[in-house]
């Protein structure tokens, strides 16, 4: 409980155009299902833009599944590739995303390196839709899809890049 409280009070980001403080783990504001829905929507949005995902040869994991997995996990505050691999076996929502695939930490790390731009776009889209939900009301389930205003886009992009940088730092520390 102490760690959750610290995460809620010290790991926040204020969007320039809103009063909304973002917890490190967006499940605290969206719930697991809400975050999963937004992660799936973000991946679909990026795929519809014609994204070409890079996947490791011989991988049992589809690129869209991996993109959904990492988008969800980073937005949920799970950054390290080994932590994500552990979550595949222990977290029901993460297991649902992966279906029967069990990506290992090397595949997760490789996918992040090869698809960073798409991960960034997914996280920005996810944050934009989450913000639209929060502005629409308590649950925001009926909030219309909306693009972020330009000033908020810069904040969302910075937030997405921080998430990716944290993942890289944790993986780097784990390899020492």
N, C-alpha and C. Protein backbone atom coordinates (compact mmCIF):
# COMPACT_ATOMS: atom_id res chain seq x y z
N UNK A 1 0.83 -1.20 0.00
CA UNK A 1 0.00 0.00 0.00
C UNK A 1 0.87 1.25 0.00
N UNK A 2 1.97 1.21 0.72
CA UNK A 2 2.89 2.36 0.77
C UNK A 2 3.40 2.70 -0.63
N UNK A 3 3.82 1.69 -1.40
CA UNK A 3 4.33 1.94 -2.74
C UNK A 3 3.26 2.50 -3.66
N UNK A 4 2.04 2.00 -3.54
CA UNK A 4 0.94 2.50 -4.37
C UNK A 4 0.68 3.96 -4.05
N UNK A 5 0.67 4.30 -2.77
CA UNK A 5 0.44 5.68 -2.37
C UNK A 5 1.54 6.57 -2.90
N UNK A 6 2.80 6.14 -2.78
CA UNK A 6 3.92 6.93 -3.30
C UNK A 6 3.80 7.13 -4.80
N UNK A 7 3.42 6.07 -5.52
CA UNK A 7 3.29 6.18 -6.97
C UNK A 7 2.21 7.18 -7.33
N UNK A 8 1.14 7.21 -6.57
CA UNK A 8 0.04 8.12 -6.87
C UNK A 8 0.42 9.56 -6.58
N UNK A 9 1.27 9.80 -5.59
CA UNK A 9 1.56 11.18 -5.22
C UNK A 9 2.82 11.73 -5.86
N UNK A 10 3.77 10.88 -6.20
CA UNK A 10 5.03 11.41 -6.71
C UNK A 10 5.25 11.18 -8.19
N UNK A 11 4.54 10.28 -8.80
CA UNK A 11 4.74 9.97 -10.21
C UNK A 11 3.56 10.44 -11.04
N UNK A 12 3.37 11.74 -11.09
CA UNK A 12 2.25 12.28 -11.84
C UNK A 12 2.75 13.26 -12.89
N UNK A 13 1.93 13.51 -13.86
CA UNK A 13 2.22 14.45 -14.93
C UNK A 13 0.97 15.28 -15.15
N UNK A 14 1.10 16.57 -15.20
CA UNK A 14 -0.05 17.42 -15.49
C UNK A 14 -0.01 17.78 -16.95
N UNK A 15 -1.10 17.53 -17.66
CA UNK A 15 -1.20 17.97 -19.04
C UNK A 15 -1.37 19.48 -19.03
N UNK A 16 -0.77 20.14 -19.99
CA UNK A 16 -0.77 21.59 -20.02
C UNK A 16 -2.18 22.17 -20.05
N UNK A 17 -3.12 21.51 -20.71
CA UNK A 17 -4.45 22.09 -20.87
C UNK A 17 -5.50 21.46 -19.97
N UNK A 18 -5.08 20.72 -18.94
CA UNK A 18 -6.09 20.11 -18.08
C UNK A 18 -5.62 20.10 -16.64
N UNK A 19 -6.54 19.84 -15.78
CA UNK A 19 -6.26 19.74 -14.35
C UNK A 19 -5.92 18.29 -13.97
N UNK A 20 -5.89 17.41 -14.94
CA UNK A 20 -5.76 15.98 -14.69
C UNK A 20 -4.32 15.60 -14.39
N UNK A 21 -4.09 15.06 -13.21
CA UNK A 21 -2.78 14.53 -12.86
C UNK A 21 -2.78 13.05 -13.23
N UNK A 22 -1.72 12.62 -13.88
CA UNK A 22 -1.65 11.23 -14.33
C UNK A 22 -0.84 10.39 -13.35
N UNK A 23 -1.44 9.33 -12.85
CA UNK A 23 -0.65 8.41 -12.03
C UNK A 23 0.30 7.63 -12.91
N UNK A 24 1.36 7.11 -12.33
CA UNK A 24 2.31 6.29 -13.08
C UNK A 24 1.60 5.09 -13.69
N UNK A 25 0.64 4.54 -12.97
CA UNK A 25 -0.14 3.38 -13.42
C UNK A 25 -1.55 3.88 -13.77
N UNK A 26 -1.85 3.93 -15.06
CA UNK A 26 -3.14 4.46 -15.50
C UNK A 26 -4.32 3.57 -15.11
N UNK A 27 -4.05 2.35 -14.66
CA UNK A 27 -5.14 1.50 -14.17
C UNK A 27 -5.81 2.13 -12.96
N UNK A 28 -5.08 2.98 -12.25
CA UNK A 28 -5.65 3.64 -11.08
C UNK A 28 -6.79 4.59 -11.47
N UNK A 29 -6.75 5.13 -12.69
CA UNK A 29 -7.80 6.03 -13.17
C UNK A 29 -8.77 5.34 -14.13
N UNK A 30 -8.29 4.36 -14.89
CA UNK A 30 -9.09 3.75 -15.95
C UNK A 30 -9.62 2.37 -15.58
N UNK A 31 -9.02 1.72 -14.62
CA UNK A 31 -9.31 0.33 -14.34
C UNK A 31 -8.59 -0.55 -15.36
N UNK A 32 -8.48 -1.83 -15.06
CA UNK A 32 -7.78 -2.74 -15.97
C UNK A 32 -8.47 -2.84 -17.31
N UNK A 33 -9.79 -2.99 -17.28
CA UNK A 33 -10.53 -3.13 -18.53
C UNK A 33 -10.44 -1.86 -19.37
N UNK A 34 -10.59 -0.71 -18.74
CA UNK A 34 -10.51 0.56 -19.47
C UNK A 34 -9.15 0.74 -20.12
N UNK A 35 -8.09 0.42 -19.39
CA UNK A 35 -6.75 0.55 -19.96
C UNK A 35 -6.55 -0.45 -21.10
N UNK A 36 -7.04 -1.67 -20.92
CA UNK A 36 -6.93 -2.67 -21.99
C UNK A 36 -7.66 -2.20 -23.25
N UNK A 37 -8.87 -1.68 -23.10
CA UNK A 37 -9.63 -1.18 -24.25
C UNK A 37 -8.84 -0.09 -24.99
N UNK A 38 -8.26 0.82 -24.23
CA UNK A 38 -7.51 1.91 -24.87
C UNK A 38 -6.22 1.42 -25.52
N UNK A 39 -5.58 0.43 -24.92
CA UNK A 39 -4.37 -0.13 -25.54
C UNK A 39 -4.72 -0.82 -26.86
N UNK A 40 -5.80 -1.60 -26.86
CA UNK A 40 -6.23 -2.27 -28.10
C UNK A 40 -6.60 -1.24 -29.17
N UNK A 41 -7.31 -0.21 -28.77
CA UNK A 41 -7.71 0.85 -29.70
C UNK A 41 -6.48 1.57 -30.26
N UNK A 42 -5.50 1.84 -29.41
CA UNK A 42 -4.30 2.54 -29.84
C UNK A 42 -3.54 1.73 -30.89
N UNK A 43 -3.42 0.43 -30.67
CA UNK A 43 -2.72 -0.43 -31.62
C UNK A 43 -3.48 -0.49 -32.94
N UNK A 44 -4.79 -0.61 -32.87
CA UNK A 44 -5.59 -0.61 -34.09
C UNK A 44 -5.42 0.70 -34.85
N UNK A 45 -5.42 1.81 -34.14
CA UNK A 45 -5.25 3.12 -34.75
C UNK A 45 -3.91 3.22 -35.48
N UNK A 46 -2.84 2.76 -34.83
CA UNK A 46 -1.51 2.82 -35.45
C UNK A 46 -1.45 1.86 -36.64
N UNK A 47 -2.04 0.68 -36.51
CA UNK A 47 -2.05 -0.29 -37.61
C UNK A 47 -2.79 0.27 -38.82
N UNK A 48 -3.89 0.98 -38.58
CA UNK A 48 -4.66 1.56 -39.68
C UNK A 48 -3.91 2.68 -40.39
N UNK A 49 -2.92 3.24 -39.73
CA UNK A 49 -2.10 4.28 -40.35
C UNK A 49 -1.04 3.67 -41.28
N UNK A 50 -1.03 2.36 -41.38
CA UNK A 50 -0.09 1.69 -42.28
C UNK A 50 1.25 1.38 -41.65
N UNK A 51 1.29 1.26 -40.33
CA UNK A 51 2.54 0.96 -39.65
C UNK A 51 3.08 -0.40 -40.09
N UNK A 52 4.37 -0.46 -40.26
CA UNK A 52 5.05 -1.72 -40.56
C UNK A 52 5.82 -2.12 -39.32
N UNK A 53 5.34 -3.16 -38.64
CA UNK A 53 5.96 -3.60 -37.41
C UNK A 53 7.11 -4.55 -37.72
N UNK A 54 8.13 -4.48 -36.91
CA UNK A 54 9.29 -5.36 -37.06
C UNK A 54 9.21 -6.43 -35.98
N UNK A 55 9.24 -7.67 -36.40
CA UNK A 55 9.16 -8.79 -35.46
C UNK A 55 10.40 -9.67 -35.62
N UNK A 56 10.77 -10.29 -34.52
CA UNK A 56 11.90 -11.20 -34.51
C UNK A 56 11.55 -12.45 -35.33
N UNK A 57 12.48 -12.89 -36.15
CA UNK A 57 12.24 -14.10 -36.95
C UNK A 57 12.03 -15.29 -36.03
N UNK A 58 11.07 -16.09 -36.41
CA UNK A 58 10.79 -17.30 -35.64
C UNK A 58 10.01 -17.04 -34.36
N UNK A 59 9.58 -15.81 -34.14
CA UNK A 59 8.85 -15.48 -32.93
C UNK A 59 7.43 -16.03 -33.01
N UNK A 60 6.96 -16.59 -31.89
CA UNK A 60 5.59 -17.09 -31.84
C UNK A 60 4.60 -15.95 -31.57
N UNK A 61 5.11 -14.78 -31.27
CA UNK A 61 4.27 -13.65 -30.90
C UNK A 61 4.02 -12.75 -32.10
N UNK A 62 2.75 -12.41 -32.31
CA UNK A 62 2.42 -11.51 -33.42
C UNK A 62 2.85 -10.09 -33.05
N UNK A 63 3.24 -9.30 -34.03
CA UNK A 63 3.64 -7.92 -33.74
C UNK A 63 2.53 -7.10 -33.09
N UNK A 64 1.27 -7.29 -33.50
CA UNK A 64 0.18 -6.53 -32.88
C UNK A 64 -0.01 -6.92 -31.42
N UNK A 65 0.13 -8.21 -31.14
CA UNK A 65 0.02 -8.65 -29.74
C UNK A 65 1.14 -8.02 -28.91
N UNK A 66 2.36 -8.04 -29.44
CA UNK A 66 3.49 -7.47 -28.72
C UNK A 66 3.30 -5.97 -28.51
N UNK A 67 2.80 -5.28 -29.52
CA UNK A 67 2.56 -3.84 -29.40
C UNK A 67 1.49 -3.56 -28.35
N UNK A 68 0.44 -4.37 -28.33
CA UNK A 68 -0.60 -4.22 -27.31
C UNK A 68 -0.04 -4.50 -25.93
N UNK A 69 0.73 -5.57 -25.82
CA UNK A 69 1.34 -5.94 -24.55
C UNK A 69 2.18 -4.81 -23.99
N UNK A 70 3.08 -4.27 -24.80
CA UNK A 70 3.97 -3.22 -24.30
C UNK A 70 3.24 -1.91 -24.06
N UNK A 71 2.28 -1.58 -24.90
CA UNK A 71 1.49 -0.36 -24.68
C UNK A 71 0.76 -0.46 -23.34
N UNK A 72 0.10 -1.59 -23.12
CA UNK A 72 -0.63 -1.79 -21.86
C UNK A 72 0.33 -1.74 -20.67
N UNK A 73 1.40 -2.51 -20.74
CA UNK A 73 2.32 -2.60 -19.60
C UNK A 73 2.97 -1.25 -19.28
N UNK A 74 3.44 -0.54 -20.27
CA UNK A 74 4.07 0.76 -20.01
C UNK A 74 3.06 1.73 -19.41
N UNK A 75 1.84 1.74 -19.91
CA UNK A 75 0.80 2.61 -19.35
C UNK A 75 0.41 2.18 -17.94
N UNK A 76 0.63 0.90 -17.62
CA UNK A 76 0.32 0.38 -16.29
C UNK A 76 1.51 0.49 -15.34
N UNK A 77 2.61 1.05 -15.80
CA UNK A 77 3.77 1.22 -14.93
C UNK A 77 4.63 -0.02 -14.80
N UNK A 78 4.52 -0.93 -15.74
CA UNK A 78 5.37 -2.14 -15.77
C UNK A 78 6.35 -1.91 -16.91
N UNK A 79 7.62 -1.69 -16.60
CA UNK A 79 8.58 -1.24 -17.60
C UNK A 79 9.63 -2.28 -18.00
N UNK A 80 10.19 -2.99 -17.05
CA UNK A 80 11.27 -3.91 -17.34
C UNK A 80 10.81 -5.10 -18.16
N UNK A 81 11.61 -5.51 -19.12
CA UNK A 81 11.25 -6.66 -19.95
C UNK A 81 11.07 -7.93 -19.12
N UNK A 82 11.92 -8.11 -18.11
CA UNK A 82 11.77 -9.28 -17.24
C UNK A 82 10.50 -9.18 -16.40
N UNK A 83 10.13 -7.97 -15.99
CA UNK A 83 8.89 -7.77 -15.24
C UNK A 83 7.67 -8.06 -16.12
N UNK A 84 7.76 -7.67 -17.38
CA UNK A 84 6.66 -7.94 -18.31
C UNK A 84 6.54 -9.45 -18.55
N UNK A 85 7.69 -10.11 -18.74
CA UNK A 85 7.67 -11.57 -18.90
C UNK A 85 7.02 -12.23 -17.68
N UNK A 86 7.34 -11.77 -16.49
CA UNK A 86 6.75 -12.31 -15.27
C UNK A 86 5.24 -12.04 -15.25
N UNK A 87 4.83 -10.84 -15.67
CA UNK A 87 3.41 -10.48 -15.68
C UNK A 87 2.60 -11.37 -16.63
N UNK A 88 3.24 -11.85 -17.70
CA UNK A 88 2.54 -12.74 -18.64
C UNK A 88 2.03 -13.98 -17.90
N UNK A 89 2.78 -14.45 -16.94
CA UNK A 89 2.37 -15.64 -16.20
C UNK A 89 1.56 -15.36 -14.96
N UNK A 90 1.55 -14.10 -14.50
CA UNK A 90 0.92 -13.84 -13.21
C UNK A 90 -0.22 -12.84 -13.22
N UNK A 91 -0.36 -12.06 -14.27
CA UNK A 91 -1.40 -11.02 -14.33
C UNK A 91 -2.45 -11.44 -15.36
N UNK A 92 -3.70 -11.54 -14.94
CA UNK A 92 -4.76 -12.06 -15.81
C UNK A 92 -4.95 -11.21 -17.07
N UNK A 93 -4.86 -9.90 -16.96
CA UNK A 93 -5.06 -9.05 -18.13
C UNK A 93 -3.90 -9.20 -19.11
N UNK A 94 -2.70 -9.25 -18.60
CA UNK A 94 -1.52 -9.43 -19.46
C UNK A 94 -1.56 -10.79 -20.12
N UNK A 95 -1.98 -11.80 -19.38
CA UNK A 95 -2.11 -13.15 -19.95
C UNK A 95 -3.17 -13.15 -21.06
N UNK A 96 -4.25 -12.41 -20.87
CA UNK A 96 -5.30 -12.30 -21.88
C UNK A 96 -4.74 -11.67 -23.16
N UNK A 97 -3.95 -10.62 -23.02
CA UNK A 97 -3.36 -9.96 -24.19
C UNK A 97 -2.51 -10.95 -24.98
N UNK A 98 -1.76 -11.77 -24.27
CA UNK A 98 -0.82 -12.69 -24.92
C UNK A 98 -1.47 -13.95 -25.45
N UNK A 99 -2.70 -14.24 -25.03
CA UNK A 99 -3.38 -15.48 -25.42
C UNK A 99 -2.49 -16.66 -25.04
N UNK A 100 -2.04 -17.42 -25.99
CA UNK A 100 -1.22 -18.58 -25.66
C UNK A 100 0.28 -18.33 -25.85
N UNK A 101 0.62 -17.16 -26.30
CA UNK A 101 2.04 -16.83 -26.49
C UNK A 101 2.67 -16.49 -25.14
N UNK A 102 3.92 -16.79 -25.01
CA UNK A 102 4.68 -16.47 -23.80
C UNK A 102 5.99 -15.81 -24.19
N UNK A 103 5.94 -14.54 -24.57
CA UNK A 103 7.18 -13.88 -25.00
C UNK A 103 8.17 -13.75 -23.83
N UNK A 104 9.41 -14.08 -24.12
CA UNK A 104 10.45 -13.94 -23.11
C UNK A 104 11.02 -12.53 -23.12
N UNK A 105 11.78 -12.21 -22.07
CA UNK A 105 12.31 -10.86 -21.97
C UNK A 105 13.21 -10.47 -23.14
N UNK A 106 14.01 -11.38 -23.72
CA UNK A 106 14.82 -10.95 -24.87
C UNK A 106 13.95 -10.52 -26.07
N UNK A 107 12.85 -11.25 -26.30
CA UNK A 107 11.95 -10.90 -27.41
C UNK A 107 11.24 -9.58 -27.13
N UNK A 108 10.87 -9.36 -25.88
CA UNK A 108 10.21 -8.11 -25.50
C UNK A 108 11.16 -6.94 -25.72
N UNK A 109 12.39 -7.09 -25.26
CA UNK A 109 13.39 -6.03 -25.42
C UNK A 109 13.67 -5.75 -26.90
N UNK A 110 13.82 -6.80 -27.68
CA UNK A 110 14.09 -6.65 -29.11
C UNK A 110 12.93 -5.95 -29.81
N UNK A 111 11.71 -6.34 -29.45
CA UNK A 111 10.54 -5.72 -30.07
C UNK A 111 10.49 -4.23 -29.74
N UNK A 112 10.76 -3.88 -28.50
CA UNK A 112 10.76 -2.46 -28.11
C UNK A 112 11.78 -1.68 -28.92
N UNK A 113 12.96 -2.23 -29.06
CA UNK A 113 14.01 -1.55 -29.83
C UNK A 113 13.62 -1.36 -31.29
N UNK A 114 13.00 -2.37 -31.87
CA UNK A 114 12.67 -2.34 -33.30
C UNK A 114 11.41 -1.54 -33.62
N UNK A 115 10.59 -1.28 -32.62
CA UNK A 115 9.28 -0.66 -32.87
C UNK A 115 9.02 0.53 -31.97
N UNK A 116 10.08 1.20 -31.57
CA UNK A 116 9.93 2.31 -30.63
C UNK A 116 8.98 3.39 -31.15
N UNK A 117 9.08 3.75 -32.42
CA UNK A 117 8.22 4.82 -32.93
C UNK A 117 6.74 4.44 -32.84
N UNK A 118 6.44 3.16 -33.08
CA UNK A 118 5.04 2.73 -33.01
C UNK A 118 4.56 2.67 -31.57
N UNK A 119 5.42 2.26 -30.66
CA UNK A 119 5.08 2.28 -29.24
C UNK A 119 4.80 3.70 -28.77
N UNK A 120 5.62 4.62 -29.20
CA UNK A 120 5.41 6.03 -28.87
C UNK A 120 4.04 6.50 -29.34
N UNK A 121 3.72 6.20 -30.60
CA UNK A 121 2.43 6.62 -31.15
C UNK A 121 1.27 5.97 -30.40
N UNK A 122 1.40 4.71 -30.06
CA UNK A 122 0.33 4.04 -29.31
C UNK A 122 0.13 4.68 -27.94
N UNK A 123 1.21 4.99 -27.25
CA UNK A 123 1.09 5.60 -25.93
C UNK A 123 0.48 7.00 -26.02
N UNK A 124 0.86 7.76 -27.02
CA UNK A 124 0.28 9.09 -27.20
C UNK A 124 -1.21 8.97 -27.48
N UNK A 125 -1.59 8.05 -28.37
CA UNK A 125 -3.01 7.85 -28.68
C UNK A 125 -3.77 7.43 -27.42
N UNK A 126 -3.22 6.48 -26.69
CA UNK A 126 -3.86 6.00 -25.47
C UNK A 126 -4.08 7.14 -24.49
N UNK A 127 -3.08 7.97 -24.28
CA UNK A 127 -3.22 9.08 -23.35
C UNK A 127 -4.26 10.09 -23.84
N UNK A 128 -4.29 10.34 -25.13
CA UNK A 128 -5.30 11.26 -25.67
C UNK A 128 -6.71 10.76 -25.43
N UNK A 129 -6.92 9.47 -25.64
CA UNK A 129 -8.26 8.90 -25.43
C UNK A 129 -8.61 8.84 -23.95
N UNK A 130 -7.62 8.55 -23.11
CA UNK A 130 -7.86 8.55 -21.66
C UNK A 130 -8.26 9.94 -21.19
N UNK A 131 -7.56 10.95 -21.69
CA UNK A 131 -7.87 12.33 -21.33
C UNK A 131 -9.28 12.70 -21.79
N UNK A 132 -9.67 12.27 -22.98
CA UNK A 132 -11.02 12.54 -23.47
C UNK A 132 -12.06 11.89 -22.55
N UNK A 133 -11.79 10.68 -22.08
CA UNK A 133 -12.71 10.00 -21.17
C UNK A 133 -12.84 10.77 -19.86
N UNK A 134 -11.69 11.21 -19.32
CA UNK A 134 -11.73 11.92 -18.04
C UNK A 134 -12.49 13.23 -18.16
N UNK A 135 -12.33 13.89 -19.28
CA UNK A 135 -13.03 15.16 -19.47
C UNK A 135 -14.52 14.96 -19.69
N UNK A 136 -14.90 13.78 -20.20
CA UNK A 136 -16.30 13.51 -20.48
C UNK A 136 -17.09 13.19 -19.21
N UNK A 137 -16.42 12.80 -18.17
CA UNK A 137 -17.13 12.47 -16.94
C UNK A 137 -16.44 11.39 -16.16
N UNK A 138 -17.13 10.90 -15.18
CA UNK A 138 -16.55 9.95 -14.24
C UNK A 138 -15.97 8.72 -14.93
N UNK A 139 -16.81 8.01 -15.70
CA UNK A 139 -16.26 6.82 -16.37
C UNK A 139 -15.86 7.12 -17.80
N UNK A 140 -16.48 8.11 -18.42
CA UNK A 140 -16.09 8.53 -19.75
C UNK A 140 -16.26 7.49 -20.84
N UNK A 141 -17.03 6.45 -20.60
CA UNK A 141 -17.16 5.37 -21.58
C UNK A 141 -17.75 5.86 -22.90
N UNK A 142 -18.56 6.91 -22.86
CA UNK A 142 -19.19 7.39 -24.07
C UNK A 142 -18.46 8.59 -24.68
N UNK A 143 -17.25 8.83 -24.23
CA UNK A 143 -16.51 9.98 -24.74
C UNK A 143 -16.16 9.76 -26.21
N UNK A 144 -16.36 10.77 -27.04
CA UNK A 144 -16.01 10.63 -28.46
C UNK A 144 -14.50 10.59 -28.63
N UNK A 145 -14.04 9.88 -29.65
CA UNK A 145 -12.61 9.88 -29.96
C UNK A 145 -12.21 11.29 -30.33
N UNK A 146 -11.09 11.72 -29.82
CA UNK A 146 -10.65 13.09 -30.09
C UNK A 146 -9.14 13.14 -30.16
N UNK A 147 -8.66 13.97 -31.03
CA UNK A 147 -7.22 14.19 -31.12
C UNK A 147 -6.82 15.17 -30.02
N UNK A 148 -5.62 15.02 -29.52
CA UNK A 148 -5.13 15.94 -28.51
C UNK A 148 -4.86 17.31 -29.13
N UNK A 149 -5.19 18.39 -28.41
CA UNK A 149 -4.76 19.70 -28.90
C UNK A 149 -3.24 19.73 -29.01
N UNK A 150 -2.71 20.58 -29.85
CA UNK A 150 -1.27 20.60 -30.12
C UNK A 150 -0.42 20.72 -28.86
N UNK A 151 -0.82 21.61 -27.94
CA UNK A 151 -0.02 21.79 -26.72
C UNK A 151 -0.07 20.54 -25.84
N UNK A 152 -1.20 19.83 -25.83
CA UNK A 152 -1.29 18.60 -25.06
C UNK A 152 -0.56 17.45 -25.76
N UNK A 153 -0.52 17.49 -27.09
CA UNK A 153 0.20 16.45 -27.83
C UNK A 153 1.67 16.44 -27.41
N UNK A 154 2.25 17.62 -27.26
CA UNK A 154 3.66 17.71 -26.85
C UNK A 154 3.85 17.09 -25.46
N UNK A 155 2.91 17.34 -24.55
CA UNK A 155 2.99 16.74 -23.22
C UNK A 155 2.81 15.23 -23.28
N UNK A 156 1.87 14.77 -24.11
CA UNK A 156 1.64 13.33 -24.25
C UNK A 156 2.85 12.64 -24.86
N UNK A 157 3.47 13.28 -25.84
CA UNK A 157 4.66 12.71 -26.46
C UNK A 157 5.80 12.63 -25.44
N UNK A 158 5.94 13.67 -24.62
CA UNK A 158 6.98 13.64 -23.58
C UNK A 158 6.69 12.52 -22.58
N UNK A 159 5.41 12.34 -22.23
CA UNK A 159 5.02 11.26 -21.32
C UNK A 159 5.35 9.91 -21.92
N UNK A 160 5.03 9.71 -23.20
CA UNK A 160 5.31 8.44 -23.88
C UNK A 160 6.81 8.18 -23.93
N UNK A 161 7.57 9.20 -24.24
CA UNK A 161 9.04 9.03 -24.30
C UNK A 161 9.62 8.71 -22.94
N UNK A 162 9.08 9.31 -21.88
CA UNK A 162 9.55 8.98 -20.53
C UNK A 162 9.26 7.51 -20.20
N UNK A 163 8.09 7.02 -20.60
CA UNK A 163 7.76 5.62 -20.37
C UNK A 163 8.79 4.71 -21.05
N UNK A 164 9.12 5.02 -22.30
CA UNK A 164 10.09 4.21 -23.04
C UNK A 164 11.48 4.34 -22.44
N UNK A 165 11.86 5.53 -22.02
CA UNK A 165 13.17 5.71 -21.40
C UNK A 165 13.28 4.93 -20.09
N UNK A 166 12.19 4.89 -19.31
CA UNK A 166 12.20 4.09 -18.10
C UNK A 166 12.39 2.62 -18.40
N UNK A 167 11.73 2.13 -19.44
CA UNK A 167 11.88 0.72 -19.84
C UNK A 167 13.33 0.44 -20.22
N UNK A 168 13.93 1.34 -20.98
CA UNK A 168 15.34 1.15 -21.38
C UNK A 168 16.25 1.18 -20.18
N UNK A 169 16.04 2.13 -19.27
CA UNK A 169 16.90 2.22 -18.07
C UNK A 169 16.78 0.98 -17.20
N UNK A 170 15.56 0.49 -17.02
CA UNK A 170 15.38 -0.70 -16.19
C UNK A 170 16.04 -1.91 -16.84
N UNK A 171 15.89 -2.06 -18.14
CA UNK A 171 16.52 -3.18 -18.83
C UNK A 171 18.05 -3.06 -18.79
N UNK A 172 18.55 -1.85 -18.92
CA UNK A 172 20.00 -1.63 -18.84
C UNK A 172 20.51 -2.00 -17.46
N UNK A 173 19.81 -1.56 -16.43
CA UNK A 173 20.21 -1.89 -15.06
C UNK A 173 20.16 -3.40 -14.81
N UNK A 174 19.16 -4.06 -15.37
CA UNK A 174 19.01 -5.50 -15.18
C UNK A 174 20.14 -6.27 -15.85
N UNK A 175 20.73 -5.70 -16.90
CA UNK A 175 21.79 -6.41 -17.62
C UNK A 175 23.16 -6.22 -16.96
N UNK A 176 23.27 -5.34 -16.00
CA UNK A 176 24.55 -5.14 -15.29
C UNK A 176 24.77 -6.18 -14.24
